[in-house]
Structures are given as structure tokens and as C-alpha cells.
Amino acid sequence: GKGIQVEGIILNQPTSGGGVRVGLTTGIKVVNLGLGGAWLRSGGDNAFISGGELSLRLTPWGEKRTPVIEPFLRADYSSNGDFFPVLGGRLLLDLL
């Protein structure tokens, strides 16, 4: 299915800061592809990041109305030209 992701970001090192990430996703079964962007503020500086993401939405206890474990691989490009891959995971909860 299609989706919209909104994430809050908290930065702890080397200087504290934060930001927000927004993305659009689409998928077939458990495989999802997404495009997104983020704004970060840390140490008085702003950074803008964009990139693509590949993730698996795994439902270990059924198919609907269950927690979803989502490992992902993202390729981010920052506004100053840096590239960095991100390997991570999310726990999604159905609140509605």
C-alpha cells in the first residue's frame, strides 16, 4: 500500500539538536520503497537531507492491527553534498 511517514529526529552527538523527516512510501506485500526529505538543526546550523529507502514491514503476530517491525536501508544526500547510507529499524504501532 501507499503511505506517508512523519518522524521526529533527536540528535545527541556531537551537539544536541533535532529535526523532522517526511516521506512517501509505496509497497507490495512486505517490501516498501520510499522517497523522503528531512530538515535538521544542530549547533546553530541547518541541513537538508533527501534520499530513497527500501524497507520490509514484518508483522510477527498476524497481518492486521498488530505491531510492525520495519528494518530499513536508506541512502541520504545532504545539502552540502555528503552521501551516507543509513541502516536502521522502526517499530510501528496501530493506534486507530
Protein backbone atom coordinates (compact mmCIF):
# COMPACT_ATOMS: atom_id res chain seq x y z
CA GLY A 1 0.00 0.00 0.00
CA LYS A 2 0.83 3.66 -0.06
CA GLY A 3 1.78 5.69 2.96
CA ILE A 4 3.05 8.93 4.42
CA GLN A 5 5.73 8.85 7.13
CA VAL A 6 6.42 11.67 9.57
CA GLU A 7 9.31 11.20 12.01
CA GLY A 8 10.76 13.37 14.74
CA ILE A 9 14.56 13.36 14.98
CA ILE A 10 16.61 13.91 18.15
CA LEU A 11 20.37 14.39 17.77
CA ASN A 12 22.56 13.75 20.81
CA GLN A 13 26.15 13.81 19.48
CA PRO A 14 28.33 15.80 18.87
CA THR A 15 25.91 18.69 19.53
CA SER A 16 22.29 18.41 20.50
CA GLY A 17 19.62 19.27 18.01
CA GLY A 18 16.69 17.84 16.14
CA GLY A 19 14.53 17.93 13.09
CA VAL A 20 11.76 16.30 11.15
CA ARG A 21 11.64 13.78 8.28
CA VAL A 22 8.72 13.35 5.86
CA GLY A 23 8.47 10.57 3.31
CA LEU A 24 6.15 8.94 0.81
CA THR A 25 6.12 5.16 0.54
CA THR A 26 4.60 2.51 -1.65
CA GLY A 27 4.87 -1.23 -1.43
CA ILE A 28 3.80 -4.69 -2.46
CA LYS A 29 3.23 -7.14 0.38
CA VAL A 30 6.11 -6.63 2.86
CA VAL A 31 8.56 -4.80 0.54
CA ASN A 32 8.33 -0.98 0.56
CA LEU A 33 10.10 1.76 -1.38
CA GLY A 34 10.11 5.37 -0.27
CA LEU A 35 11.39 8.85 -1.04
CA GLY A 36 11.78 11.44 1.64
CA GLY A 37 13.45 14.52 2.96
CA ALA A 38 14.45 15.95 6.30
CA TRP A 39 15.35 19.23 7.93
CA LEU A 40 17.90 19.10 10.76
CA ARG A 41 19.10 21.84 13.11
CA SER A 42 22.17 21.29 15.27
CA GLY A 43 24.79 23.62 16.73
CA GLY A 44 23.18 26.64 15.04
CA ASP A 45 23.41 25.06 11.57
CA ASN A 46 20.63 23.83 9.29
CA ALA A 47 20.90 20.82 7.00
CA PHE A 48 18.51 19.48 4.41
CA ILE A 49 18.62 15.78 3.53
CA SER A 50 16.86 13.79 0.81
CA GLY A 51 17.05 10.17 -0.21
CA GLY A 52 15.46 6.86 -1.03
CA GLU A 53 14.61 3.98 1.27
CA LEU A 54 14.00 0.24 0.98
CA SER A 55 12.23 -1.46 3.90
CA LEU A 56 10.49 -4.66 4.96
CA ARG A 57 7.29 -4.36 7.00
CA LEU A 58 7.17 -7.54 9.05
CA THR A 59 4.13 -8.50 11.13
CA PRO A 60 5.23 -11.26 13.50
CA TRP A 61 1.81 -11.79 15.19
CA GLY A 62 -0.66 -11.68 12.32
CA GLU A 63 -1.43 -9.43 9.39
CA LYS A 64 -3.70 -6.65 10.64
CA ARG A 65 -3.82 -4.39 13.70
CA THR A 66 -0.54 -5.60 15.04
CA PRO A 67 2.88 -4.11 15.77
CA VAL A 68 5.04 -3.92 12.65
CA ILE A 69 8.81 -4.37 12.76
CA GLU A 70 10.42 -2.46 9.89
CA PRO A 71 14.15 -2.84 9.14
CA PHE A 72 15.28 -0.34 6.50
CA LEU A 73 18.20 0.74 4.34
CA ARG A 74 18.26 4.38 3.32
CA ALA A 75 20.63 6.37 1.08
CA ASP A 76 20.72 10.02 2.20
CA TYR A 77 22.22 13.02 0.40
CA SER A 78 22.74 16.23 2.37
CA SER A 79 22.50 19.79 1.09
CA ASN A 80 26.30 20.16 1.38
CA GLY A 81 26.89 17.22 -0.99
CA ASP A 82 27.62 14.45 1.54
CA PHE A 83 26.29 10.93 0.95
CA PHE A 84 25.70 8.49 3.76
CA PRO A 85 23.88 5.16 3.96
CA VAL A 86 21.64 4.54 6.97
CA LEU A 87 20.77 1.06 8.26
CA GLY A 88 18.08 1.08 10.93
CA GLY A 89 14.78 -0.17 12.18
CA ARG A 90 11.39 1.09 13.35
CA LEU A 91 8.57 -0.30 15.44
CA LEU A 92 5.20 0.82 14.06
CA LEU A 93 2.08 0.66 16.22
CA ASP A 94 -1.52 0.72 15.00
CA LEU A 95 -3.24 3.42 17.07
CA LEU A 96 -6.54 3.71 15.20
